[in-house]
C-alpha atoms as a PDB file:
ATOM      1  CA  UNK A   1     -34.775 -85.180  22.987  1.00  0.00           C
ATOM      2  CA  UNK A   2     -33.955 -85.770  19.091  1.00  0.00           C
ATOM      3  CA  UNK A   3     -31.419 -83.164  17.685  1.00  0.00           C
ATOM      4  CA  UNK A   4     -31.530 -82.338  13.994  1.00  0.00           C
ATOM      5  CA  UNK A   5     -28.170 -80.771  13.009  1.00  0.00           C
ATOM      6  CA  UNK A   6     -27.489 -79.269   9.235  1.00  0.00           C
ATOM      7  CA  UNK A   7     -25.068 -77.632   7.576  1.00  0.00           C
ATOM      8  CA  UNK A   8     -26.159 -74.249   5.731  1.00  0.00           C
ATOM      9  CA  UNK A   9     -24.079 -72.930   2.624  1.00  0.00           C
ATOM     10  CA  UNK A  10     -24.486 -68.965   2.374  1.00  0.00           C
ATOM     11  CA  UNK A  11     -22.130 -66.820   0.072  1.00  0.00           C
ATOM     12  CA  UNK A  12     -18.473 -67.406   1.888  1.00  0.00           C
ATOM     13  CA  UNK A  13     -19.821 -70.054   4.704  1.00  0.00           C
ATOM     14  CA  UNK A  14     -21.097 -73.015   5.785  1.00  0.00           C
ATOM     15  CA  UNK A  15     -23.030 -72.453   8.524  1.00  0.00           C
ATOM     16  CA  UNK A  16     -23.217 -75.154  11.248  1.00  0.00           C
ATOM     17  CA  UNK A  17     -27.056 -75.166  12.948  1.00  0.00           C
ATOM     18  CA  UNK A  18     -29.057 -77.655  14.650  1.00  0.00           C
ATOM     19  CA  UNK A  19     -32.747 -78.003  15.947  1.00  0.00           C
ATOM     20  CA  UNK A  20     -34.052 -79.427  18.890  1.00  0.00           C
ATOM     21  CA  UNK A  21     -37.664 -79.838  20.728  1.00  0.00           C
ATOM     22  CA  UNK A  22     -41.179 -81.179  19.399  1.00  0.00           C
ATOM     23  CA  UNK A  23     -41.472 -81.052  15.611  1.00  0.00           C
ATOM     24  CA  UNK A  24     -44.766 -79.822  15.737  1.00  0.00           C
ATOM     25  CA  UNK A  25     -43.756 -77.288  18.449  1.00  0.00           C
ATOM     26  CA  UNK A  26     -43.602 -73.757  17.501  1.00  0.00           C
ATOM     27  CA  UNK A  27     -40.251 -72.587  16.072  1.00  0.00           C
ATOM     28  CA  UNK A  28     -37.907 -70.613  17.452  1.00  0.00           C
ATOM     29  CA  UNK A  29     -34.549 -68.863  16.495  1.00  0.00           C
ATOM     30  CA  UNK A  30     -31.784 -68.388  18.844  1.00  0.00           C
ATOM     31  CA  UNK A  31     -29.101 -65.821  17.458  1.00  0.00           C
ATOM     32  CA  UNK A  32     -26.074 -65.157  19.462  1.00  0.00           C
ATOM     33  CA  UNK A  33     -23.314 -62.385  20.312  1.00  0.00           C
ATOM     34  CA  UNK A  34     -20.258 -61.737  18.583  1.00  0.00           C
ATOM     35  CA  UNK A  35     -17.667 -63.828  19.702  1.00  0.00           C
ATOM     36  CA  UNK A  36     -19.458 -66.690  20.942  1.00  0.00           C
ATOM     37  CA  UNK A  37     -21.419 -69.813  19.606  1.00  0.00           C
ATOM     38  CA  UNK A  38     -25.085 -71.380  19.930  1.00  0.00           C
ATOM     39  CA  UNK A  39     -23.744 -72.774  23.153  1.00  0.00           C
ATOM     40  CA  UNK A  40     -24.584 -69.603  24.625  1.00  0.00           C
ATOM     41  CA  UNK A  41     -27.878 -70.219  25.152  1.00  0.00           C
ATOM     42  CA  UNK A  42     -27.262 -73.933  26.735  1.00  0.00           C
ATOM     43  CA  UNK A  43     -28.700 -72.517  30.223  1.00  0.00           C
ATOM     44  CA  UNK A  44     -32.113 -71.667  28.553  1.00  0.00           C
ATOM     45  CA  UNK A  45     -32.572 -75.018  26.465  1.00  0.00           C
ATOM     46  CA  UNK A  46     -34.134 -77.324  29.430  1.00  0.00           C
ATOM     47  CA  UNK A  47     -36.793 -74.827  29.308  1.00  0.00           C
ATOM     48  CA  UNK A  48     -37.313 -73.584  26.162  1.00  0.00           C
ATOM     49  CA  UNK A  49     -36.926 -77.128  24.493  1.00  0.00           C
ATOM     50  CA  UNK A  50     -39.662 -78.120  25.986  1.00  0.00           C
ATOM     51  CA  UNK A  51     -41.915 -75.561  24.208  1.00  0.00           C
ATOM     52  CA  UNK A  52     -40.228 -74.964  21.271  1.00  0.00           C
ATOM     53  CA  UNK A  53     -39.246 -76.434  18.466  1.00  0.00           C
ATOM     54  CA  UNK A  54     -35.538 -74.500  18.759  1.00  0.00           C
ATOM     55  CA  UNK A  55     -33.358 -73.480  16.080  1.00  0.00           C
ATOM     56  CA  UNK A  56     -29.450 -72.259  16.705  1.00  0.00           C
ATOM     57  CA  UNK A  57     -26.817 -71.736  14.791  1.00  0.00           C
ATOM     58  CA  UNK A  58     -23.256 -70.811  14.837  1.00  0.00           C
ATOM     59  CA  UNK A  59     -22.820 -67.450  13.018  1.00  0.00           C
ATOM     60  CA  UNK A  60     -19.860 -66.939  10.068  1.00  0.00           C
ATOM     61  CA  UNK A  61     -16.736 -67.975  11.630  1.00  0.00           C
ATOM     62  CA  UNK A  62     -17.820 -68.933  15.049  1.00  0.00           C
ATOM     63  CA  UNK A  63     -17.936 -72.124  16.622  1.00  0.00           C
ATOM     64  CA  UNK A  64     -18.233 -74.932  13.802  1.00  0.00           C
ATOM     65  CA  UNK A  65     -19.223 -72.866  11.507  1.00  0.00           C
ATOM     66  CA  UNK A  66     -16.542 -72.852   8.398  1.00  0.00           C
ATOM     67  CA  UNK A  67     -15.814 -69.538   6.294  1.00  0.00           C
ATOM     68  CA  UNK A  68     -15.285 -69.766   2.417  1.00  0.00           C
ATOM     69  CA  UNK A  69     -12.003 -67.759   1.065  1.00  0.00           C
ATOM     70  CA  UNK A  70     -11.421 -64.054   1.882  1.00  0.00           C
ATOM     71  CA  UNK A  71     -13.471 -62.140   4.230  1.00  0.00           C
ATOM     72  CA  UNK A  72     -15.121 -58.786   3.642  1.00  0.00           C
ATOM     73  CA  UNK A  73     -16.441 -56.504   6.190  1.00  0.00           C
ATOM     74  CA  UNK A  74     -20.042 -57.571   6.914  1.00  0.00           C
ATOM     75  CA  UNK A  75     -23.455 -55.884   6.588  1.00  0.00           C
ATOM     76  CA  UNK A  76     -26.332 -56.321   9.252  1.00  0.00           C
ATOM     77  CA  UNK A  77     -28.139 -57.010   5.909  1.00  0.00           C
ATOM     78  CA  UNK A  78     -25.664 -60.021   5.108  1.00  0.00           C
ATOM     79  CA  UNK A  79     -26.585 -61.762   8.284  1.00  0.00           C
ATOM     80  CA  UNK A  80     -29.801 -61.436   8.991  1.00  0.00           C
ATOM     81  CA  UNK A  81     -29.920 -63.100   5.124  1.00  0.00           C
ATOM     82  CA  UNK A  82     -28.030 -65.667   7.263  1.00  0.00           C
ATOM     83  CA  UNK A  83     -30.495 -66.278   9.710  1.00  0.00           C
ATOM     84  CA  UNK A  84     -33.329 -66.286   7.105  1.00  0.00           C
ATOM     85  CA  UNK A  85     -30.927 -69.284   5.203  1.00  0.00           C
ATOM     86  CA  UNK A  86     -31.126 -71.196   8.639  1.00  0.00           C
ATOM     87  CA  UNK A  87     -34.972 -70.741   8.762  1.00  0.00           C
ATOM     88  CA  UNK A  88     -35.137 -72.516   5.171  1.00  0.00           C
ATOM     89  CA  UNK A  89     -32.905 -75.218   5.791  1.00  0.00           C
ATOM     90  CA  UNK A  90     -35.053 -76.351   8.662  1.00  0.00           C
ATOM     91  CA  UNK A  91     -38.291 -75.500   6.379  1.00  0.00           C
ATOM     92  CA  UNK A  92     -39.588 -72.988   8.246  1.00  0.00           C
ATOM     93  CA  UNK A  93     -41.545 -70.227   7.265  1.00  0.00           C
ATOM     94  CA  UNK A  94     -42.282 -68.135  10.366  1.00  0.00           C
ATOM     95  CA  UNK A  95     -40.717 -68.388  13.959  1.00  0.00           C
ATOM     96  CA  UNK A  96     -40.177 -66.540  16.999  1.00  0.00           C
ATOM     97  CA  UNK A  97     -36.981 -65.172  17.446  1.00  0.00           C
ATOM     98  CA  UNK A  98     -34.480 -64.052  20.419  1.00  0.00           C
ATOM     99  CA  UNK A  99     -31.431 -62.327  19.394  1.00  0.00           C
ATOM    100  CA  UNK A 100     -28.524 -61.289  22.396  1.00  0.00           C
ATOM    101  CA  UNK A 101     -26.200 -58.717  21.520  1.00  0.00           C
ATOM    102  CA  UNK A 102     -25.304 -58.942  17.550  1.00  0.00           C
ATOM    103  CA  UNK A 103     -28.346 -61.231  17.437  1.00  0.00           C
ATOM    104  CA  UNK A 104     -30.725 -59.097  18.503  1.00  0.00           C
ATOM    105  CA  UNK A 105     -29.423 -56.445  16.497  1.00  0.00           C
ATOM    106  CA  UNK A 106     -30.056 -59.446  13.347  1.00  0.00           C
ATOM    107  CA  UNK A 107     -33.315 -59.508  14.686  1.00  0.00           C
ATOM    108  CA  UNK A 108     -33.731 -56.140  14.441  1.00  0.00           C
ATOM    109  CA  UNK A 109     -32.921 -56.186  10.649  1.00  0.00           C
ATOM    110  CA  UNK A 110     -34.558 -59.206   9.848  1.00  0.00           C
ATOM    111  CA  UNK A 111     -38.043 -57.168  11.447  1.00  0.00           C
ATOM    112  CA  UNK A 112     -37.455 -54.329   8.668  1.00  0.00           C
ATOM    113  CA  UNK A 113     -36.281 -56.902   5.693  1.00  0.00           C
ATOM    114  CA  UNK A 114     -38.789 -60.189   6.677  1.00  0.00           C
ATOM    115  CA  UNK A 115     -41.475 -59.007   8.791  1.00  0.00           C
ATOM    116  CA  UNK A 116     -43.579 -62.022   7.412  1.00  0.00           C
ATOM    117  CA  UNK A 117     -40.866 -64.400   8.912  1.00  0.00           C
ATOM    118  CA  UNK A 118     -40.827 -63.251  12.675  1.00  0.00           C
ATOM    119  CA  UNK A 119     -43.419 -63.509  15.062  1.00  0.00           C
ATOM    120  CA  UNK A 120     -42.386 -62.388  17.970  1.00  0.00           C
ATOM    121  CA  UNK A 121     -39.041 -61.180  18.758  1.00  0.00           C
ATOM    122  CA  UNK A 122     -36.656 -61.013  21.736  1.00  0.00           C
ATOM    123  CA  UNK A 123     -34.274 -58.229  21.854  1.00  0.00           C
ATOM    124  CA  UNK A 124     -31.528 -58.842  24.308  1.00  0.00           C
ATOM    125  CA  UNK A 125     -28.790 -56.669  25.410  1.00  0.00           C
ATOM    126  CA  UNK A 126     -28.400 -55.310  22.354  1.00  0.00           C
ATOM    127  CA  UNK A 127     -28.950 -51.962  20.639  1.00  0.00           C
ATOM    128  CA  UNK A 128     -30.516 -50.384  17.348  1.00  0.00           C
ATOM    129  CA  UNK A 129     -27.065 -48.600  16.992  1.00  0.00           C
ATOM    130  CA  UNK A 130     -24.097 -49.429  18.857  1.00  0.00           C
ATOM    131  CA  UNK A 131     -21.724 -46.497  18.032  1.00  0.00           C
ATOM    132  CA  UNK A 132     -18.671 -45.529  18.989  1.00  0.00           C
ATOM    133  CA  UNK A 133     -17.199 -46.178  15.523  1.00  0.00           C
ATOM    134  CA  UNK A 134     -13.271 -45.577  16.968  1.00  0.00           C
ATOM    135  CA  UNK A 135     -13.691 -48.317  19.318  1.00  0.00           C
ATOM    136  CA  UNK A 136     -14.777 -50.695  16.755  1.00  0.00           C
ATOM    137  CA  UNK A 137     -12.246 -50.150  14.332  1.00  0.00           C
ATOM    138  CA  UNK A 138      -9.308 -50.264  17.081  1.00  0.00           C
ATOM    139  CA  UNK A 139     -10.818 -53.455  17.855  1.00  0.00           C
ATOM    140  CA  UNK A 140     -11.633 -55.061  14.257  1.00  0.00           C
ATOM    141  CA  UNK A 141      -7.564 -53.968  13.477  1.00  0.00           C
ATOM    142  CA  UNK A 142      -6.597 -55.510  16.680  1.00  0.00           C
ATOM    143  CA  UNK A 143      -8.480 -58.674  15.743  1.00  0.00           C
ATOM    144  CA  UNK A 144      -6.789 -58.463  12.480  1.00  0.00           C
ATOM    145  CA  UNK A 145      -3.451 -58.020  13.283  1.00  0.00           C
ATOM    146  CA  UNK A 146      -2.812 -60.156  16.327  1.00  0.00           C
ATOM    147  CA  UNK A 147      -5.996 -62.138  16.984  1.00  0.00           C
ATOM    148  CA  UNK A 148      -8.337 -62.213  19.839  1.00  0.00           C
ATOM    149  CA  UNK A 149      -6.773 -63.636  22.742  1.00  0.00           C
ATOM    150  CA  UNK A 150      -5.343 -60.077  23.737  1.00  0.00           C
ATOM    151  CA  UNK A 151      -9.349 -58.709  23.228  1.00  0.00           C
ATOM    152  CA  UNK A 152     -10.588 -61.641  25.545  1.00  0.00           C
ATOM    153  CA  UNK A 153      -9.801 -60.167  28.913  1.00  0.00           C
ATOM    154  CA  UNK A 154     -11.459 -57.205  28.090  1.00  0.00           C
ATOM    155  CA  UNK A 155     -14.623 -58.939  26.482  1.00  0.00           C
ATOM    156  CA  UNK A 156     -15.283 -60.706  30.052  1.00  0.00           C
ATOM    157  CA  UNK A 157     -15.086 -57.871  31.733  1.00  0.00           C
ATOM    158  CA  UNK A 158     -18.058 -56.050  29.652  1.00  0.00           C
ATOM    159  CA  UNK A 159     -19.519 -59.209  29.603  1.00  0.00           C
ATOM    160  CA  UNK A 160     -20.006 -59.904  33.113  1.00  0.00           C
ATOM    161  CA  UNK A 161     -19.800 -58.317  36.731  1.00  0.00           C
ATOM    162  CA  UNK A 162     -16.838 -58.646  39.081  1.00  0.00           C
ATOM    163  CA  UNK A 163     -19.490 -60.352  41.602  1.00  0.00           C
ATOM    164  CA  UNK A 164     -19.964 -63.035  38.491  1.00  0.00           C
ATOM    165  CA  UNK A 165     -16.445 -63.588  37.455  1.00  0.00           C
ATOM    166  CA  UNK A 166     -15.039 -64.539  40.799  1.00  0.00           C
ATOM    167  CA  UNK A 167     -18.678 -66.623  41.819  1.00  0.00           C
ATOM    168  CA  UNK A 168     -18.541 -68.885  38.545  1.00  0.00           C
ATOM    169  CA  UNK A 169     -14.987 -68.311  37.033  1.00  0.00           C
ATOM    170  CA  UNK A 170     -15.717 -71.611  35.116  1.00  0.00           C
ATOM    171  CA  UNK A 171     -18.537 -70.496  33.356  1.00  0.00           C
ATOM    172  CA  UNK A 172     -16.676 -67.051  32.458  1.00  0.00           C
ATOM    173  CA  UNK A 173     -13.417 -69.189  31.519  1.00  0.00           C
ATOM    174  CA  UNK A 174     -15.489 -71.431  28.889  1.00  0.00           C
ATOM    175  CA  UNK A 175     -17.188 -68.194  27.470  1.00  0.00           C
ATOM    176  CA  UNK A 176     -13.580 -66.640  27.280  1.00  0.00           C
ATOM    177  CA  UNK A 177     -12.327 -70.181  25.476  1.00  0.00           C
ATOM    178  CA  UNK A 178     -15.273 -69.647  22.742  1.00  0.00           C
ATOM    179  CA  UNK A 179     -14.319 -66.304  22.009  1.00  0.00           C
ATOM    180  CA  UNK A 180     -10.775 -67.121  21.502  1.00  0.00           C
ATOM    181  CA  UNK A 181     -11.603 -69.696  19.009  1.00  0.00           C
ATOM    182  CA  UNK A 182     -13.851 -67.446  16.972  1.00  0.00           C
ATOM    183  CA  UNK A 183     -12.244 -67.042  13.691  1.00  0.00           C
ATOM    184  CA  UNK A 184     -10.388 -63.384  13.731  1.00  0.00           C
ATOM    185  CA  UNK A 185     -11.205 -62.413  10.176  1.00  0.00           C
ATOM    186  CA  UNK A 186     -14.647 -63.461  10.892  1.00  0.00           C
ATOM    187  CA  UNK A 187     -14.867 -61.481  14.337  1.00  0.00           C
ATOM    188  CA  UNK A 188     -13.264 -58.542  12.294  1.00  0.00           C
ATOM    189  CA  UNK A 189     -15.520 -58.676   9.284  1.00  0.00           C
ATOM    190  CA  UNK A 190     -18.743 -59.157  11.946  1.00  0.00           C
ATOM    191  CA  UNK A 191     -17.427 -56.482  14.276  1.00  0.00           C
ATOM    192  CA  UNK A 192     -17.591 -54.186  10.811  1.00  0.00           C
ATOM    193  CA  UNK A 193     -21.278 -54.710  10.576  1.00  0.00           C
ATOM    194  CA  UNK A 194     -21.987 -53.361  14.307  1.00  0.00           C
ATOM    195  CA  UNK A 195     -19.882 -50.306  13.526  1.00  0.00           C
ATOM    196  CA  UNK A 196     -21.860 -49.589  10.525  1.00  0.00           C
ATOM    197  CA  UNK A 197     -25.647 -50.786  12.036  1.00  0.00           C
ATOM    198  CA  UNK A 198     -27.587 -47.864  12.896  1.00  0.00           C
ATOM    199  CA  UNK A 199     -31.566 -48.705  12.609  1.00  0.00           C
ATOM    200  CA  UNK A 200     -32.311 -46.122  15.238  1.00  0.00           C
ATOM    201  CA  UNK A 201     -35.137 -44.306  13.187  1.00  0.00           C
ATOM    202  CA  UNK A 202     -36.099 -47.034  10.812  1.00  0.00           C
ATOM    203  CA  UNK A 203     -37.382 -49.664  13.889  1.00  0.00           C
ATOM    204  CA  UNK A 204     -40.173 -47.280  14.013  1.00  0.00           C
ATOM    205  CA  UNK A 205     -41.498 -49.242  11.322  1.00  0.00           C
ATOM    206  CA  UNK A 206     -41.384 -52.612  12.807  1.00  0.00           C
ATOM    207  CA  UNK A 207     -44.910 -54.124  13.792  1.00  0.00           C
ATOM    208  CA  UNK A 208     -44.014 -57.331  16.059  1.00  0.00           C
ATOM    209  CA  UNK A 209     -44.393 -57.895  19.604  1.00  0.00           C
ATOM    210  CA  UNK A 210     -41.402 -57.042  21.087  1.00  0.00           C
ATOM    211  CA  UNK A 211     -39.556 -58.023  24.338  1.00  0.00           C
ATOM    212  CA  UNK A 212     -36.574 -55.773  24.901  1.00  0.00           C
ATOM    213  CA  UNK A 213     -34.232 -57.276  27.796  1.00  0.00           C
ATOM    214  CA  UNK A 214     -31.750 -54.858  29.251  1.00  0.00           C
ATOM    215  CA  UNK A 215     -28.586 -55.710  32.089  1.00  0.00           C
ATOM    216  CA  UNK A 216     -28.590 -52.928  34.289  1.00  0.00           C
ATOM    217  CA  UNK A 217     -24.589 -53.132  34.354  1.00  0.00           C
ATOM    218  CA  UNK A 218     -23.853 -53.767  30.722  1.00  0.00           C
ATOM    219  CA  UNK A 219     -21.535 -51.806  29.635  1.00  0.00           C
ATOM    220  CA  UNK A 220     -21.260 -52.600  25.996  1.00  0.00           C
ATOM    221  CA  UNK A 221     -25.270 -52.190  25.544  1.00  0.00           C
ATOM    222  CA  UNK A 222     -26.315 -49.856  28.133  1.00  0.00           C
ATOM    223  CA  UNK A 223     -29.970 -50.012  29.168  1.00  0.00           C
ATOM    224  CA  UNK A 224     -30.470 -46.845  27.397  1.00  0.00           C
ATOM    225  CA  UNK A 225     -30.116 -48.022  24.381  1.00  0.00           C
ATOM    226  CA  UNK A 226     -32.638 -51.027  24.961  1.00  0.00           C
ATOM    227  CA  UNK A 227     -34.503 -48.371  26.108  1.00  0.00           C
ATOM    228  CA  UNK A 228     -34.406 -46.347  22.627  1.00  0.00           C
ATOM    229  CA  UNK A 229     -36.155 -49.324  20.918  1.00  0.00           C
ATOM    230  CA  UNK A 230     -38.777 -50.428  23.237  1.00  0.00           C
ATOM    231  CA  UNK A 231     -39.556 -46.493  22.811  1.00  0.00           C
ATOM    232  CA  UNK A 232     -39.619 -46.314  19.308  1.00  0.00           C
ATOM    233  CA  UNK A 233     -41.344 -49.540  18.243  1.00  0.00           C
ATOM    234  CA  UNK A 234     -45.204 -49.369  19.530  1.00  0.00           C
ATOM    235  CA  UNK A 235     -46.268 -51.571  22.473  1.00  0.00           C
ATOM    236  CA  UNK A 236     -42.698 -52.934  22.612  1.00  0.00           C
ATOM    237  CA  UNK A 237     -42.287 -54.426  26.660  1.00  0.00           C
ATOM    238  CA  UNK A 238     -38.749 -53.587  28.580  1.00  0.00           C
ATOM    239  CA  UNK A 239     -37.683 -55.771  31.437  1.00  0.00           C
ATOM    240  CA  UNK A 240     -34.399 -55.020  33.244  1.00  0.00           C
ATOM    241  CA  UNK A 241     -32.070 -57.436  34.765  1.00  0.00           C
ATOM    242  CA  UNK A 242     -29.379 -56.889  37.587  1.00  0.00           C
ATOM    243  CA  UNK A 243     -26.776 -58.619  35.068  1.00  0.00           C
ATOM    244  CA  UNK A 244     -23.803 -57.604  32.644  1.00  0.00           C
ATOM    245  CA  UNK A 245     -23.843 -58.133  29.004  1.00  0.00           C
ATOM    246  CA  UNK A 246     -24.797 -61.915  28.890  1.00  0.00           C
ATOM    247  CA  UNK A 247     -27.538 -61.260  31.184  1.00  0.00           C
ATOM    248  CA  UNK A 248     -28.626 -64.977  29.843  1.00  0.00           C
ATOM    249  CA  UNK A 249     -25.360 -66.744  31.911  1.00  0.00           C
ATOM    250  CA  UNK A 250     -25.390 -64.167  34.610  1.00  0.00           C
ATOM    251  CA  UNK A 251     -29.094 -64.104  35.469  1.00  0.00           C
ATOM    252  CA  UNK A 252     -30.594 -67.415  33.639  1.00  0.00           C
ATOM    253  CA  UNK A 253     -33.392 -67.979  35.639  1.00  0.00           C
ATOM    254  CA  UNK A 254     -34.475 -64.387  35.514  1.00  0.00           C
ATOM    255  CA  UNK A 255     -33.757 -64.442  31.588  1.00  0.00           C
ATOM    256  CA  UNK A 256     -35.592 -67.690  31.197  1.00  0.00           C
ATOM    257  CA  UNK A 257     -38.444 -66.709  32.891  1.00  0.00           C
ATOM    258  CA  UNK A 258     -38.987 -63.651  31.038  1.00  0.00           C
ATOM    259  CA  UNK A 259     -38.500 -64.846  27.656  1.00  0.00           C
ATOM    260  CA  UNK A 260     -41.166 -67.987  28.045  1.00  0.00           C
ATOM    261  CA  UNK A 261     -44.329 -65.593  29.683  1.00  0.00           C
ATOM    262  CA  UNK A 262     -43.737 -63.023  26.771  1.00  0.00           C
ATOM    263  CA  UNK A 263     -43.753 -66.154  24.334  1.00  0.00           C
ATOM    264  CA  UNK A 264     -46.194 -68.036  25.576  1.00  0.00           C
ATOM    265  CA  UNK A 265     -48.654 -65.079  26.417  1.00  0.00           C
ATOM    266  CA  UNK A 266     -51.848 -65.156  24.635  1.00  0.00           C
END
């Protein structure tokens, strides 16, 4: 299968992006979690790339994306513009979108800022407001002052259940390594966007067809936060998986079946 890689210049960064799948298939944009990269969706790619033109990208300072200059705190609106720039780079006017955690928040912002660019949307393990401002402040401070090594273990504890960490230590270790390799300045700047994010009332205006996926054992985005999105957006569907935060890694088959069924339904 042919893969097309592109570097996408945005203000303050160059984003690494790639497209796979049939060129004439419906486009699908994937947006990953904070402290991850586009490889987060590797387990979904065999199924998705058969049905869609899948476009993935590394967020600022994540994966192979590069920063330019000093990093100021970001906003979700800026991150949504980054996602739109990726679509523009591949000459895609309108796409389905799947966003997990941070990526889900980016998708919600796009549904309000550029509703004509998003067709169906999957919001996975995310929220319209993540709360705990003091906790975000502490995490931002630690990232800036100490780097990400000290935050990695706590992140993996939130992202996977103890049962999964014991059953698939190699997978958990690979995710932890991607977390440690994230640029600390980009992590802190992006965490500030999550700290300030609040679309709890604004999302009532969203008109897209939406699937909300929650992990029943997710401490980072508890099921009630996804439930609020489903309640506030008319016609949204809610599906619960027996997983923690990275439900697409912990329950890849259930996750993939849910999103493919939703995105391909008449």
